[in-house]
Amino acid sequence: MSYLTESLKIEILMMIGYGDRARTQCEVVHLFRETHPDLPALNQGTISKIEAQYREMGHVRKVPSKRQAVVDDDTKLNLLLALEENRITPARQLAPDRLGLDLKEDYMIVLDFLNKSAHVPKKII
């Protein structure tokens, strides 16, 4: 579904229609294949997700997931300082101990930041 731009998603919503002449998702799949034979074929689930997103949010723009949360500058600095103090600290300990973060949710945010900043924590073997 990554090849679907915002304009293609809007076109799919227009194909679905509104009111008396609303098409089924199966009809939209066939119409999309006829209209865009050069693109990969859609399935009914993709159409359903696009329609559900529009009904829930009112737009079809890409929404960042929770994992792509923004890490502020203070948190970044605290992470890097914690790594400088003890390079063998596992990332699972960095999240709750130094930052007061929720271990389950923010562990992946910590790992993403560390991987992007080229500081991969080592575990004690």
PDB file of N, CA and C in Angstrom:
ATOM      1  N   MET A   1       0.813  -1.180   0.000  1.00  0.00           N
ATOM      2  CA  MET A   1       0.000   0.000   0.000  1.00  0.00           C
ATOM      3  C   MET A   1       0.866   1.257   0.000  1.00  0.00           C
ATOM      4  N   SER A   2       2.166   1.112   0.088  1.00  0.00           N
ATOM      5  CA  SER A   2       3.049   2.274   0.133  1.00  0.00           C
ATOM      6  C   SER A   2       3.106   3.011  -1.201  1.00  0.00           C
ATOM      7  N   TYR A   3       2.743   2.339  -2.283  1.00  0.00           N
ATOM      8  CA  TYR A   3       2.763   2.990  -3.587  1.00  0.00           C
ATOM      9  C   TYR A   3       1.549   3.887  -3.791  1.00  0.00           C
ATOM     10  N   LEU A   4       0.581   3.803  -2.905  1.00  0.00           N
ATOM     11  CA  LEU A   4      -0.623   4.620  -3.033  1.00  0.00           C
ATOM     12  C   LEU A   4      -0.359   6.016  -2.481  1.00  0.00           C
ATOM     13  N   THR A   5      -0.378   6.989  -3.366  1.00  0.00           N
ATOM     14  CA  THR A   5      -0.210   8.368  -2.941  1.00  0.00           C
ATOM     15  C   THR A   5      -1.530   8.886  -2.401  1.00  0.00           C
ATOM     16  N   GLU A   6      -1.476  10.063  -1.827  1.00  0.00           N
ATOM     17  CA  GLU A   6      -2.698  10.658  -1.285  1.00  0.00           C
ATOM     18  C   GLU A   6      -3.726  10.891  -2.390  1.00  0.00           C
ATOM     19  N   SER A   7      -3.262  11.296  -3.567  1.00  0.00           N
ATOM     20  CA  SER A   7      -4.206  11.540  -4.668  1.00  0.00           C
ATOM     21  C   SER A   7      -4.857  10.240  -5.146  1.00  0.00           C
ATOM     22  N   LEU A   8      -4.113   9.132  -5.153  1.00  0.00           N
ATOM     23  CA  LEU A   8      -4.714   7.849  -5.531  1.00  0.00           C
ATOM     24  C   LEU A   8      -5.743   7.396  -4.498  1.00  0.00           C
ATOM     25  N   LYS A   9      -5.461   7.649  -3.228  1.00  0.00           N
ATOM     26  CA  LYS A   9      -6.423   7.286  -2.193  1.00  0.00           C
ATOM     27  C   LYS A   9      -7.705   8.107  -2.327  1.00  0.00           C
ATOM     28  N   ILE A  10      -7.562   9.389  -2.657  1.00  0.00           N
ATOM     29  CA  ILE A  10      -8.743  10.232  -2.881  1.00  0.00           C
ATOM     30  C   ILE A  10      -9.518   9.732  -4.086  1.00  0.00           C
ATOM     31  N   GLU A  11      -8.801   9.311  -5.126  1.00  0.00           N
ATOM     32  CA  GLU A  11      -9.458   8.757  -6.309  1.00  0.00           C
ATOM     33  C   GLU A  11     -10.237   7.484  -5.954  1.00  0.00           C
ATOM     34  N   ILE A  12      -9.682   6.668  -5.090  1.00  0.00           N
ATOM     35  CA  ILE A  12     -10.382   5.454  -4.643  1.00  0.00           C
ATOM     36  C   ILE A  12     -11.658   5.828  -3.897  1.00  0.00           C
ATOM     37  N   LEU A  13     -11.575   6.859  -3.048  1.00  0.00           N
ATOM     38  CA  LEU A  13     -12.775   7.305  -2.339  1.00  0.00           C
ATOM     39  C   LEU A  13     -13.832   7.819  -3.312  1.00  0.00           C
ATOM     40  N   MET A  14     -13.399   8.500  -4.372  1.00  0.00           N
ATOM     41  CA  MET A  14     -14.354   8.975  -5.380  1.00  0.00           C
ATOM     42  C   MET A  14     -14.961   7.799  -6.133  1.00  0.00           C
ATOM     43  N   MET A  15     -14.184   6.746  -6.350  1.00  0.00           N
ATOM     44  CA  MET A  15     -14.715   5.552  -7.012  1.00  0.00           C
ATOM     45  C   MET A  15     -15.773   4.868  -6.143  1.00  0.00           C
ATOM     46  N   ILE A  16     -15.574   4.908  -4.834  1.00  0.00           N
ATOM     47  CA  ILE A  16     -16.565   4.312  -3.934  1.00  0.00           C
ATOM     48  C   ILE A  16     -17.894   5.037  -4.081  1.00  0.00           C
ATOM     49  N   GLY A  17     -17.825   6.340  -4.197  1.00  0.00           N
ATOM     50  CA  GLY A  17     -19.044   7.113  -4.402  1.00  0.00           C
ATOM     51  C   GLY A  17     -19.745   7.434  -3.103  1.00  0.00           C
ATOM     52  N   TYR A  18     -20.951   7.976  -3.246  1.00  0.00           N
ATOM     53  CA  TYR A  18     -21.705   8.421  -2.081  1.00  0.00           C
ATOM     54  C   TYR A  18     -23.185   8.361  -2.405  1.00  0.00           C
ATOM     55  N   GLY A  19     -23.983   8.042  -1.421  1.00  0.00           N
ATOM     56  CA  GLY A  19     -25.432   8.085  -1.590  1.00  0.00           C
ATOM     57  C   GLY A  19     -25.980   6.895  -2.340  1.00  0.00           C
ATOM     58  N   ASP A  20     -26.835   7.170  -3.349  1.00  0.00           N
ATOM     59  CA  ASP A  20     -27.535   6.113  -4.074  1.00  0.00           C
ATOM     60  C   ASP A  20     -26.597   5.258  -4.919  1.00  0.00           C
ATOM     61  N   ARG A  21     -25.532   5.838  -5.441  1.00  0.00           N
ATOM     62  CA  ARG A  21     -24.642   5.100  -6.347  1.00  0.00           C
ATOM     63  C   ARG A  21     -23.301   4.774  -5.674  1.00  0.00           C
ATOM     64  N   ALA A  22     -23.349   4.281  -4.475  1.00  0.00           N
ATOM     65  CA  ALA A  22     -22.125   3.849  -3.796  1.00  0.00           C
ATOM     66  C   ALA A  22     -21.772   2.447  -4.295  1.00  0.00           C
ATOM     67  N   ARG A  23     -20.516   2.285  -4.720  1.00  0.00           N
ATOM     68  CA  ARG A  23     -20.060   0.988  -5.229  1.00  0.00           C
ATOM     69  C   ARG A  23     -19.601   0.102  -4.073  1.00  0.00           C
ATOM     70  N   THR A  24     -19.623  -1.183  -4.317  1.00  0.00           N
ATOM     71  CA  THR A  24     -19.065  -2.114  -3.342  1.00  0.00           C
ATOM     72  C   THR A  24     -17.550  -2.074  -3.458  1.00  0.00           C
ATOM     73  N   GLN A  25     -16.873  -2.604  -2.455  1.00  0.00           N
ATOM     74  CA  GLN A  25     -15.410  -2.613  -2.486  1.00  0.00           C
ATOM     75  C   GLN A  25     -14.896  -3.489  -3.616  1.00  0.00           C
ATOM     76  N   CYS A  26     -15.602  -4.556  -3.921  1.00  0.00           N
ATOM     77  CA  CYS A  26     -15.209  -5.439  -5.023  1.00  0.00           C
ATOM     78  C   CYS A  26     -15.293  -4.698  -6.359  1.00  0.00           C
ATOM     79  N   GLU A  27     -16.346  -3.901  -6.536  1.00  0.00           N
ATOM     80  CA  GLU A  27     -16.477  -3.113  -7.766  1.00  0.00           C
ATOM     81  C   GLU A  27     -15.364  -2.075  -7.874  1.00  0.00           C
ATOM     82  N   VAL A  28     -14.981  -1.489  -6.748  1.00  0.00           N
ATOM     83  CA  VAL A  28     -13.901  -0.497  -6.747  1.00  0.00           C
ATOM     84  C   VAL A  28     -12.577  -1.152  -7.124  1.00  0.00           C
ATOM     85  N   VAL A  29     -12.333  -2.376  -6.650  1.00  0.00           N
ATOM     86  CA  VAL A  29     -11.105  -3.101  -7.012  1.00  0.00           C
ATOM     87  C   VAL A  29     -11.030  -3.286  -8.520  1.00  0.00           C
ATOM     88  N   HIS A  30     -12.130  -3.725  -9.135  1.00  0.00           N
ATOM     89  CA  HIS A  30     -12.146  -3.939 -10.589  1.00  0.00           C
ATOM     90  C   HIS A  30     -12.010  -2.622 -11.348  1.00  0.00           C
ATOM     91  N   LEU A  31     -12.681  -1.576 -10.890  1.00  0.00           N
ATOM     92  CA  LEU A  31     -12.596  -0.274 -11.547  1.00  0.00           C
ATOM     93  C   LEU A  31     -11.187   0.299 -11.446  1.00  0.00           C
ATOM     94  N   PHE A  32     -10.529   0.112 -10.300  1.00  0.00           N
ATOM     95  CA  PHE A  32      -9.161   0.605 -10.130  1.00  0.00           C
ATOM     96  C   PHE A  32      -8.207  -0.138 -11.063  1.00  0.00           C
ATOM     97  N   ARG A  33      -8.404  -1.443 -11.219  1.00  0.00           N
ATOM     98  CA  ARG A  33      -7.557  -2.221 -12.139  1.00  0.00           C
ATOM     99  C   ARG A  33      -7.724  -1.744 -13.572  1.00  0.00           C
ATOM    100  N   GLU A  34      -8.965  -1.418 -13.965  1.00  0.00           N
ATOM    101  CA  GLU A  34      -9.215  -0.929 -15.322  1.00  0.00           C
ATOM    102  C   GLU A  34      -8.619   0.463 -15.525  1.00  0.00           C
ATOM    103  N   THR A  35      -8.710   1.301 -14.506  1.00  0.00           N
ATOM    104  CA  THR A  35      -8.227   2.675 -14.616  1.00  0.00           C
ATOM    105  C   THR A  35      -6.703   2.751 -14.568  1.00  0.00           C
ATOM    106  N   HIS A  36      -6.091   1.944 -13.730  1.00  0.00           N
ATOM    107  CA  HIS A  36      -4.630   1.974 -13.544  1.00  0.00           C
ATOM    108  C   HIS A  36      -4.043   0.578 -13.751  1.00  0.00           C
ATOM    109  N   PRO A  37      -3.930   0.129 -14.999  1.00  0.00           N
ATOM    110  CA  PRO A  37      -3.390  -1.218 -15.230  1.00  0.00           C
ATOM    111  C   PRO A  37      -1.892  -1.330 -14.937  1.00  0.00           C
ATOM    112  N   ASP A  38      -1.184  -0.193 -14.905  1.00  0.00           N
ATOM    113  CA  ASP A  38       0.260  -0.213 -14.664  1.00  0.00           C
ATOM    114  C   ASP A  38       0.613  -0.364 -13.180  1.00  0.00           C
ATOM    115  N   LEU A  39      -0.331  -0.088 -12.286  1.00  0.00           N
ATOM    116  CA  LEU A  39      -0.077  -0.208 -10.847  1.00  0.00           C
ATOM    117  C   LEU A  39      -0.396  -1.615 -10.359  1.00  0.00           C
ATOM    118  N   PRO A  40       0.216  -2.035  -9.250  1.00  0.00           N
ATOM    119  CA  PRO A  40      -0.129  -3.345  -8.682  1.00  0.00           C
ATOM    120  C   PRO A  40      -1.606  -3.390  -8.297  1.00  0.00           C
ATOM    121  N   ALA A  41      -2.177  -4.564  -8.379  1.00  0.00           N
ATOM    122  CA  ALA A  41      -3.605  -4.721  -8.096  1.00  0.00           C
ATOM    123  C   ALA A  41      -3.881  -4.501  -6.608  1.00  0.00           C
ATOM    124  N   LEU A  42      -5.002  -3.867  -6.339  1.00  0.00           N
ATOM    125  CA  LEU A  42      -5.451  -3.682  -4.961  1.00  0.00           C
ATOM    126  C   LEU A  42      -6.286  -4.870  -4.539  1.00  0.00           C
ATOM    127  N   ASN A  43      -6.404  -5.060  -3.249  1.00  0.00           N
ATOM    128  CA  ASN A  43      -7.349  -6.054  -2.762  1.00  0.00           C
ATOM    129  C   ASN A  43      -8.426  -5.348  -1.947  1.00  0.00           C
ATOM    130  N   GLN A  44      -9.421  -6.083  -1.579  1.00  0.00           N
ATOM    131  CA  GLN A  44     -10.565  -5.506  -0.891  1.00  0.00           C
ATOM    132  C   GLN A  44     -10.173  -4.957   0.485  1.00  0.00           C
ATOM    133  N   GLY A  45      -9.204  -5.582   1.123  1.00  0.00           N
ATOM    134  CA  GLY A  45      -8.758  -5.116   2.433  1.00  0.00           C
ATOM    135  C   GLY A  45      -8.143  -3.726   2.383  1.00  0.00           C
ATOM    136  N   THR A  46      -7.394  -3.443   1.316  1.00  0.00           N
ATOM    137  CA  THR A  46      -6.791  -2.123   1.160  1.00  0.00           C
ATOM    138  C   THR A  46      -7.868  -1.062   1.007  1.00  0.00           C
ATOM    139  N   ILE A  47      -8.859  -1.362   0.188  1.00  0.00           N
ATOM    140  CA  ILE A  47      -9.973  -0.430  -0.002  1.00  0.00           C
ATOM    141  C   ILE A  47     -10.678  -0.196   1.337  1.00  0.00           C
ATOM    142  N   SER A  48     -10.863  -1.260   2.090  1.00  0.00           N
ATOM    143  CA  SER A  48     -11.532  -1.163   3.384  1.00  0.00           C
ATOM    144  C   SER A  48     -10.746  -0.284   4.351  1.00  0.00           C
ATOM    145  N   LYS A  49      -9.417  -0.427   4.379  1.00  0.00           N
ATOM    146  CA  LYS A  49      -8.585   0.380   5.271  1.00  0.00           C
ATOM    147  C   LYS A  49      -8.634   1.854   4.895  1.00  0.00           C
ATOM    148  N   ILE A  50      -8.594   2.145   3.598  1.00  0.00           N
ATOM    149  CA  ILE A  50      -8.653   3.537   3.143  1.00  0.00           C
ATOM    150  C   ILE A  50      -9.989   4.156   3.524  1.00  0.00           C
ATOM    151  N   GLU A  51     -11.063   3.421   3.295  1.00  0.00           N
ATOM    152  CA  GLU A  51     -12.395   3.926   3.620  1.00  0.00           C
ATOM    153  C   GLU A  51     -12.555   4.115   5.132  1.00  0.00           C
ATOM    154  N   ALA A  52     -12.050   3.179   5.913  1.00  0.00           N
ATOM    155  CA  ALA A  52     -12.155   3.285   7.374  1.00  0.00           C
ATOM    156  C   ALA A  52     -11.356   4.475   7.899  1.00  0.00           C
ATOM    157  N   GLN A  53     -10.172   4.700   7.338  1.00  0.00           N
ATOM    158  CA  GLN A  53      -9.360   5.835   7.768  1.00  0.00           C
ATOM    159  C   GLN A  53     -10.076   7.140   7.450  1.00  0.00           C
ATOM    160  N   TYR A  54     -10.699   7.213   6.272  1.00  0.00           N
ATOM    161  CA  TYR A  54     -11.408   8.434   5.902  1.00  0.00           C
ATOM    162  C   TYR A  54     -12.609   8.667   6.822  1.00  0.00           C
ATOM    163  N   ARG A  55     -13.337   7.619   7.128  1.00  0.00           N
ATOM    164  CA  ARG A  55     -14.513   7.772   7.993  1.00  0.00           C
ATOM    165  C   ARG A  55     -14.107   8.142   9.427  1.00  0.00           C
ATOM    166  N   GLU A  56     -12.965   7.625   9.875  1.00  0.00           N
ATOM    167  CA  GLU A  56     -12.529   7.895  11.238  1.00  0.00           C
ATOM    168  C   GLU A  56     -11.871   9.262  11.379  1.00  0.00           C
ATOM    169  N   MET A  57     -10.977   9.610  10.436  1.00  0.00           N
ATOM    170  CA  MET A  57     -10.172  10.814  10.594  1.00  0.00           C
ATOM    171  C   MET A  57     -10.585  11.963   9.683  1.00  0.00           C
ATOM    172  N   GLY A  58     -11.293  11.655   8.603  1.00  0.00           N
ATOM    173  CA  GLY A  58     -11.697  12.714   7.684  1.00  0.00           C
ATOM    174  C   GLY A  58     -10.653  13.052   6.641  1.00  0.00           C
ATOM    175  N   HIS A  59      -9.563  12.299   6.588  1.00  0.00           N
ATOM    176  CA  HIS A  59      -8.531  12.483   5.568  1.00  0.00           C
ATOM    177  C   HIS A  59      -7.853  11.145   5.306  1.00  0.00           C
ATOM    178  N   VAL A  60      -7.008  11.116   4.272  1.00  0.00           N
ATOM    179  CA  VAL A  60      -6.297   9.881   3.932  1.00  0.00           C
ATOM    180  C   VAL A  60      -4.784  10.085   3.950  1.00  0.00           C
ATOM    181  N   ARG A  61      -4.334  11.157   4.617  1.00  0.00           N
ATOM    182  CA  ARG A  61      -2.900  11.388   4.730  1.00  0.00           C
ATOM    183  C   ARG A  61      -2.253  10.313   5.588  1.00  0.00           C
ATOM    184  N   LYS A  62      -0.966  10.114   5.386  1.00  0.00           N
ATOM    185  CA  LYS A  62      -0.240   9.126   6.172  1.00  0.00           C
ATOM    186  C   LYS A  62      -0.129   9.615   7.611  1.00  0.00           C
ATOM    187  N   VAL A  63      -0.468   8.748   8.544  1.00  0.00           N
ATOM    188  CA  VAL A  63      -0.444   9.090   9.958  1.00  0.00           C
ATOM    189  C   VAL A  63       0.741   8.371  10.591  1.00  0.00           C
ATOM    190  N   PRO A  64       1.626   9.102  11.289  1.00  0.00           N
ATOM    191  CA  PRO A  64       2.750   8.419  11.925  1.00  0.00           C
ATOM    192  C   PRO A  64       2.267   7.502  13.037  1.00  0.00           C
ATOM    193  N   SER A  65       2.929   6.375  13.162  1.00  0.00           N
ATOM    194  CA  SER A  65       2.548   5.428  14.206  1.00  0.00           C
ATOM    195  C   SER A  65       3.116   5.876  15.546  1.00  0.00           C
ATOM    196  N   LYS A  66       2.704   5.210  16.615  1.00  0.00           N
ATOM    197  CA  LYS A  66       3.189   5.566  17.944  1.00  0.00           C
ATOM    198  C   LYS A  66       4.692   5.369  18.055  1.00  0.00           C
ATOM    199  N   ARG A  67       5.207   4.408  17.313  1.00  0.00           N
ATOM    200  CA  ARG A  67       6.628   4.101  17.405  1.00  0.00           C
ATOM    201  C   ARG A  67       7.484   5.237  16.855  1.00  0.00           C
ATOM    202  N   GLN A  68       6.922   6.054  15.994  1.00  0.00           N
ATOM    203  CA  GLN A  68       7.672   7.159  15.420  1.00  0.00           C
ATOM    204  C   GLN A  68       7.537   8.410  16.283  1.00  0.00           C
ATOM    205  N   ALA A  69       7.467   8.224  17.579  1.00  0.00           N
ATOM    206  CA  ALA A  69       7.304   9.349  18.484  1.00  0.00           C
ATOM    207  C   ALA A  69       8.556  10.222  18.462  1.00  0.00           C
ATOM    208  N   VAL A  70       8.358  11.462  18.754  1.00  0.00           N
ATOM    209  CA  VAL A  70       9.456  12.416  18.739  1.00  0.00           C
ATOM    210  C   VAL A  70      10.169  12.361  20.082  1.00  0.00           C
ATOM    211  N   VAL A  71      11.485  12.290  20.025  1.00  0.00           N
ATOM    212  CA  VAL A  71      12.299  12.306  21.235  1.00  0.00           C
ATOM    213  C   VAL A  71      12.873  13.708  21.361  1.00  0.00           C
ATOM    214  N   ASP A  72      12.575  14.379  22.473  1.00  0.00           N
ATOM    215  CA  ASP A  72      13.037  15.757  22.628  1.00  0.00           C
ATOM    216  C   ASP A  72      14.541  15.797  22.908  1.00  0.00           C
ATOM    217  N   ASP A  73      15.101  17.000  22.844  1.00  0.00           N
ATOM    218  CA  ASP A  73      16.550  17.161  22.965  1.00  0.00           C
ATOM    219  C   ASP A  73      17.075  16.751  24.340  1.00  0.00           C
ATOM    220  N   ASP A  74      16.317  17.043  25.397  1.00  0.00           N
ATOM    221  CA  ASP A  74      16.765  16.662  26.741  1.00  0.00           C
ATOM    222  C   ASP A  74      16.856  15.145  26.883  1.00  0.00           C
ATOM    223  N   THR A  75      15.868  14.444  26.333  1.00  0.00           N
ATOM    224  CA  THR A  75      15.875  12.986  26.407  1.00  0.00           C
ATOM    225  C   THR A  75      17.049  12.419  25.617  1.00  0.00           C
ATOM    226  N   LYS A  76      17.328  12.990  24.449  1.00  0.00           N
ATOM    227  CA  LYS A  76      18.468  12.539  23.646  1.00  0.00           C
ATOM    228  C   LYS A  76      19.771  12.730  24.415  1.00  0.00           C
ATOM    229  N   LEU A  77      19.906  13.886  25.031  1.00  0.00           N
ATOM    230  CA  LEU A  77      21.124  14.169  25.786  1.00  0.00           C
ATOM    231  C   LEU A  77      21.270  13.212  26.966  1.00  0.00           C
ATOM    232  N   ASN A  78      20.172  12.951  27.671  1.00  0.00           N
ATOM    233  CA  ASN A  78      20.220  12.010  28.798  1.00  0.00           C
ATOM    234  C   ASN A  78      20.605  10.606  28.347  1.00  0.00           C
ATOM    235  N   LEU A  79      20.086  10.186  27.203  1.00  0.00           N
ATOM    236  CA  LEU A  79      20.444   8.863  26.672  1.00  0.00           C
ATOM    237  C   LEU A  79      21.929   8.774  26.362  1.00  0.00           C
ATOM    238  N   LEU A  80      22.443   9.780  25.673  1.00  0.00           N
ATOM    239  CA  LEU A  80      23.856   9.754  25.300  1.00  0.00           C
ATOM    240  C   LEU A  80      24.759   9.837  26.530  1.00  0.00           C
ATOM    241  N   LEU A  81      24.367  10.614  27.524  1.00  0.00           N
ATOM    242  CA  LEU A  81      25.154  10.686  28.758  1.00  0.00           C
ATOM    243  C   LEU A  81      25.145   9.354  29.502  1.00  0.00           C
ATOM    244  N   ALA A  82      23.998   8.701  29.520  1.00  0.00           N
ATOM    245  CA  ALA A  82      23.910   7.393  30.180  1.00  0.00           C
ATOM    246  C   ALA A  82      24.804   6.380  29.481  1.00  0.00           C
ATOM    247  N   LEU A  83      24.879   6.456  28.178  1.00  0.00           N
ATOM    248  CA  LEU A  83      25.750   5.537  27.439  1.00  0.00           C
ATOM    249  C   LEU A  83      27.221   5.836  27.676  1.00  0.00           C
ATOM    250  N   GLU A  84      27.564   7.114  27.810  1.00  0.00           N
ATOM    251  CA  GLU A  84      28.956   7.468  28.066  1.00  0.00           C
ATOM    252  C   GLU A  84      29.399   6.980  29.447  1.00  0.00           C
ATOM    253  N   GLU A  85      28.491   7.019  30.408  1.00  0.00           N
ATOM    254  CA  GLU A  85      28.831   6.561  31.758  1.00  0.00           C
ATOM    255  C   GLU A  85      29.084   5.062  31.800  1.00  0.00           C
ATOM    256  N   ASN A  86      28.256   4.306  31.104  1.00  0.00           N
ATOM    257  CA  ASN A  86      28.378   2.856  31.142  1.00  0.00           C
ATOM    258  C   ASN A  86      27.972   2.298  29.784  1.00  0.00           C
ATOM    259  N   ARG A  87      28.939   1.951  28.979  1.00  0.00           N
ATOM    260  CA  ARG A  87      28.668   1.514  27.608  1.00  0.00           C
ATOM    261  C   ARG A  87      28.001   0.148  27.517  1.00  0.00           C
ATOM    262  N   ILE A  88      28.056  -0.656  28.565  1.00  0.00           N
ATOM    263  CA  ILE A  88      27.476  -1.994  28.466  1.00  0.00           C
ATOM    264  C   ILE A  88      26.056  -2.059  29.022  1.00  0.00           C
ATOM    265  N   THR A  89      25.480  -0.920  29.321  1.00  0.00           N
ATOM    266  CA  THR A  89      24.106  -0.882  29.827  1.00  0.00           C
ATOM    267  C   THR A  89      23.142  -1.285  28.718  1.00  0.00           C
ATOM    268  N   PRO A  90      22.304  -2.293  28.955  1.00  0.00           N
ATOM    269  CA  PRO A  90      21.315  -2.664  27.941  1.00  0.00           C
ATOM    270  C   PRO A  90      20.275  -1.561  27.763  1.00  0.00           C
ATOM    271  N   ALA A  91      19.735  -1.483  26.568  1.00  0.00           N
ATOM    272  CA  ALA A  91      18.743  -0.445  26.268  1.00  0.00           C
ATOM    273  C   ALA A  91      17.494  -0.605  27.123  1.00  0.00           C
ATOM    274  N   ARG A  92      17.194  -1.829  27.537  1.00  0.00           N
ATOM    275  CA  ARG A  92      16.017  -2.046  28.391  1.00  0.00           C
ATOM    276  C   ARG A  92      16.176  -1.350  29.742  1.00  0.00           C
ATOM    277  N   GLN A  93      17.413  -1.198  30.197  1.00  0.00           N
ATOM    278  CA  GLN A  93      17.641  -0.505  31.462  1.00  0.00           C
ATOM    279  C   GLN A  93      17.714   1.002  31.272  1.00  0.00           C
ATOM    280  N   LEU A  94      18.104   1.450  30.099  1.00  0.00           N
ATOM    281  CA  LEU A  94      18.200   2.884  29.857  1.00  0.00           C
ATOM    282  C   LEU A  94      16.835   3.555  29.904  1.00  0.00           C
ATOM    283  N   ALA A  95      15.837   2.912  29.362  1.00  0.00           N
ATOM    284  CA  ALA A  95      14.518   3.539  29.270  1.00  0.00           C
ATOM    285  C   ALA A  95      13.934   3.862  30.644  1.00  0.00           C
ATOM    286  N   PRO A  96      13.760   2.885  31.535  1.00  0.00           N
ATOM    287  CA  PRO A  96      13.114   3.241  32.803  1.00  0.00           C
ATOM    288  C   PRO A  96      14.044   3.912  33.808  1.00  0.00           C
ATOM    289  N   ASP A  97      15.320   3.490  33.862  1.00  0.00           N
ATOM    290  CA  ASP A  97      16.206   3.985  34.909  1.00  0.00           C
ATOM    291  C   ASP A  97      16.543   5.460  34.737  1.00  0.00           C
ATOM    292  N   ARG A  98      17.023   5.830  33.575  1.00  0.00           N
ATOM    293  CA  ARG A  98      17.534   7.175  33.378  1.00  0.00           C
ATOM    294  C   ARG A  98      16.469   8.173  32.934  1.00  0.00           C
ATOM    295  N   LEU A  99      15.451   7.693  32.270  1.00  0.00           N
ATOM    296  CA  LEU A  99      14.528   8.618  31.625  1.00  0.00           C
ATOM    297  C   LEU A  99      13.134   8.610  32.217  1.00  0.00           C
ATOM    298  N   GLY A 100      12.825   7.634  33.050  1.00  0.00           N
ATOM    299  CA  GLY A 100      11.485   7.547  33.593  1.00  0.00           C
ATOM    300  C   GLY A 100      10.456   7.196  32.536  1.00  0.00           C
ATOM    301  N   LEU A 101      10.863   6.442  31.531  1.00  0.00           N
ATOM    302  CA  LEU A 101       9.959   6.084  30.448  1.00  0.00           C
ATOM    303  C   LEU A 101       9.254   4.773  30.747  1.00  0.00           C
ATOM    304  N   ASP A 102       8.118   4.590  30.119  1.00  0.00           N
ATOM    305  CA  ASP A 102       7.401   3.322  30.217  1.00  0.00           C
ATOM    306  C   ASP A 102       8.192   2.287  29.431  1.00  0.00           C
ATOM    307  N   LEU A 103       8.558   1.193  30.070  1.00  0.00           N
ATOM    308  CA  LEU A 103       9.462   0.217  29.464  1.00  0.00           C
ATOM    309  C   LEU A 103       8.900  -0.391  28.196  1.00  0.00           C
ATOM    310  N   LYS A 104       7.625  -0.761  28.201  1.00  0.00           N
ATOM    311  CA  LYS A 104       7.075  -1.477  27.056  1.00  0.00           C
ATOM    312  C   LYS A 104       6.994  -0.606  25.813  1.00  0.00           C
ATOM    313  N   GLU A 105       6.451   0.603  25.953  1.00  0.00           N
ATOM    314  CA  GLU A 105       6.244   1.453  24.787  1.00  0.00           C
ATOM    315  C   GLU A 105       7.528   2.121  24.326  1.00  0.00           C
ATOM    316  N   ASP A 106       8.294   2.657  25.255  1.00  0.00           N
ATOM    317  CA  ASP A 106       9.396   3.521  24.882  1.00  0.00           C
ATOM    318  C   ASP A 106      10.715   2.799  24.659  1.00  0.00           C
ATOM    319  N   TYR A 107      10.753   1.499  24.909  1.00  0.00           N
ATOM    320  CA  TYR A 107      11.973   0.736  24.652  1.00  0.00           C
ATOM    321  C   TYR A 107      12.347   0.809  23.178  1.00  0.00           C
ATOM    322  N   MET A 108      11.346   0.663  22.298  1.00  0.00           N
ATOM    323  CA  MET A 108      11.628   0.703  20.861  1.00  0.00           C
ATOM    324  C   MET A 108      12.028   2.108  20.419  1.00  0.00           C
ATOM    325  N   ILE A 109      11.487   3.134  21.045  1.00  0.00           N
ATOM    326  CA  ILE A 109      11.879   4.509  20.726  1.00  0.00           C
ATOM    327  C   ILE A 109      13.339   4.716  21.098  1.00  0.00           C
ATOM    328  N   VAL A 110      13.733   4.197  22.261  1.00  0.00           N
ATOM    329  CA  VAL A 110      15.128   4.305  22.694  1.00  0.00           C
ATOM    330  C   VAL A 110      16.037   3.587  21.711  1.00  0.00           C
ATOM    331  N   LEU A 111      15.669   2.373  21.311  1.00  0.00           N
ATOM    332  CA  LEU A 111      16.495   1.626  20.355  1.00  0.00           C
ATOM    333  C   LEU A 111      16.602   2.341  19.017  1.00  0.00           C
ATOM    334  N   ASP A 112      15.491   2.879  18.522  1.00  0.00           N
ATOM    335  CA  ASP A 112      15.528   3.607  17.253  1.00  0.00           C
ATOM    336  C   ASP A 112      16.478   4.789  17.328  1.00  0.00           C
ATOM    337  N   PHE A 113      16.394   5.553  18.407  1.00  0.00           N
ATOM    338  CA  PHE A 113      17.280   6.705  18.554  1.00  0.00           C
ATOM    339  C   PHE A 113      18.734   6.271  18.632  1.00  0.00           C
ATOM    340  N   LEU A 114      19.007   5.225  19.405  1.00  0.00           N
ATOM    341  CA  LEU A 114      20.389   4.767  19.544  1.00  0.00           C
ATOM    342  C   LEU A 114      20.940   4.253  18.221  1.00  0.00           C
ATOM    343  N   ASN A 115      20.126   3.561  17.448  1.00  0.00           N
ATOM    344  CA  ASN A 115      20.586   3.076  16.151  1.00  0.00           C
ATOM    345  C   ASN A 115      20.848   4.226  15.189  1.00  0.00           C
ATOM    346  N   LYS A 116      20.019   5.254  15.227  1.00  0.00           N
ATOM    347  CA  LYS A 116      20.209   6.403  14.340  1.00  0.00           C
ATOM    348  C   LYS A 116      21.430   7.212  14.734  1.00  0.00           C
ATOM    349  N   SER A 117      21.750   7.244  16.025  1.00  0.00           N
ATOM    350  CA  SER A 117      22.891   8.032  16.468  1.00  0.00           C
ATOM    351  C   SER A 117      24.173   7.201  16.529  1.00  0.00           C
ATOM    352  N   ALA A 118      24.140   5.993  16.012  1.00  0.00           N
ATOM    353  CA  ALA A 118      25.305   5.099  15.909  1.00  0.00           C
ATOM    354  C   ALA A 118      25.844   4.677  17.270  1.00  0.00           C
ATOM    355  N   HIS A 119      25.009   4.671  18.284  1.00  0.00           N
ATOM    356  CA  HIS A 119      25.383   4.164  19.600  1.00  0.00           C
ATOM    357  C   HIS A 119      24.533   2.944  19.886  1.00  0.00           C
ATOM    358  N   VAL A 120      25.006   1.787  19.514  1.00  0.00           N
ATOM    359  CA  VAL A 120      24.255   0.560  19.752  1.00  0.00           C
ATOM    360  C   VAL A 120      24.714  -0.023  21.075  1.00  0.00           C
ATOM    361  N   PRO A 121      23.804  -0.155  22.045  1.00  0.00           N
ATOM    362  CA  PRO A 121      24.226  -0.665  23.349  1.00  0.00           C
ATOM    363  C   PRO A 121      24.606  -2.133  23.276  1.00  0.00           C
ATOM    364  N   LYS A 122      25.582  -2.502  24.080  1.00  0.00           N
ATOM    365  CA  LYS A 122      26.036  -3.888  24.146  1.00  0.00           C
ATOM    366  C   LYS A 122      25.465  -4.533  25.399  1.00  0.00           C
ATOM    367  N   LYS A 123      25.242  -5.826  25.325  1.00  0.00           N
ATOM    368  CA  LYS A 123      24.767  -6.560  26.495  1.00  0.00           C
ATOM    369  C   LYS A 123      25.941  -7.273  27.145  1.00  0.00           C
ATOM    370  N   ILE A 124      25.831  -7.485  28.440  1.00  0.00           N
ATOM    371  CA  ILE A 124      26.860  -8.240  29.149  1.00  0.00           C
ATOM    372  C   ILE A 124      26.679  -9.710  28.818  1.00  0.00           C
ATOM    373  N   ILE A 125      27.757 -10.343  28.394  1.00  0.00           N
ATOM    374  CA  ILE A 125      27.685 -11.761  28.012  1.00  0.00           C
ATOM    375  C   ILE A 125      28.151 -12.612  29.166  1.00  0.00           C
TER     376      ILE A 125
END
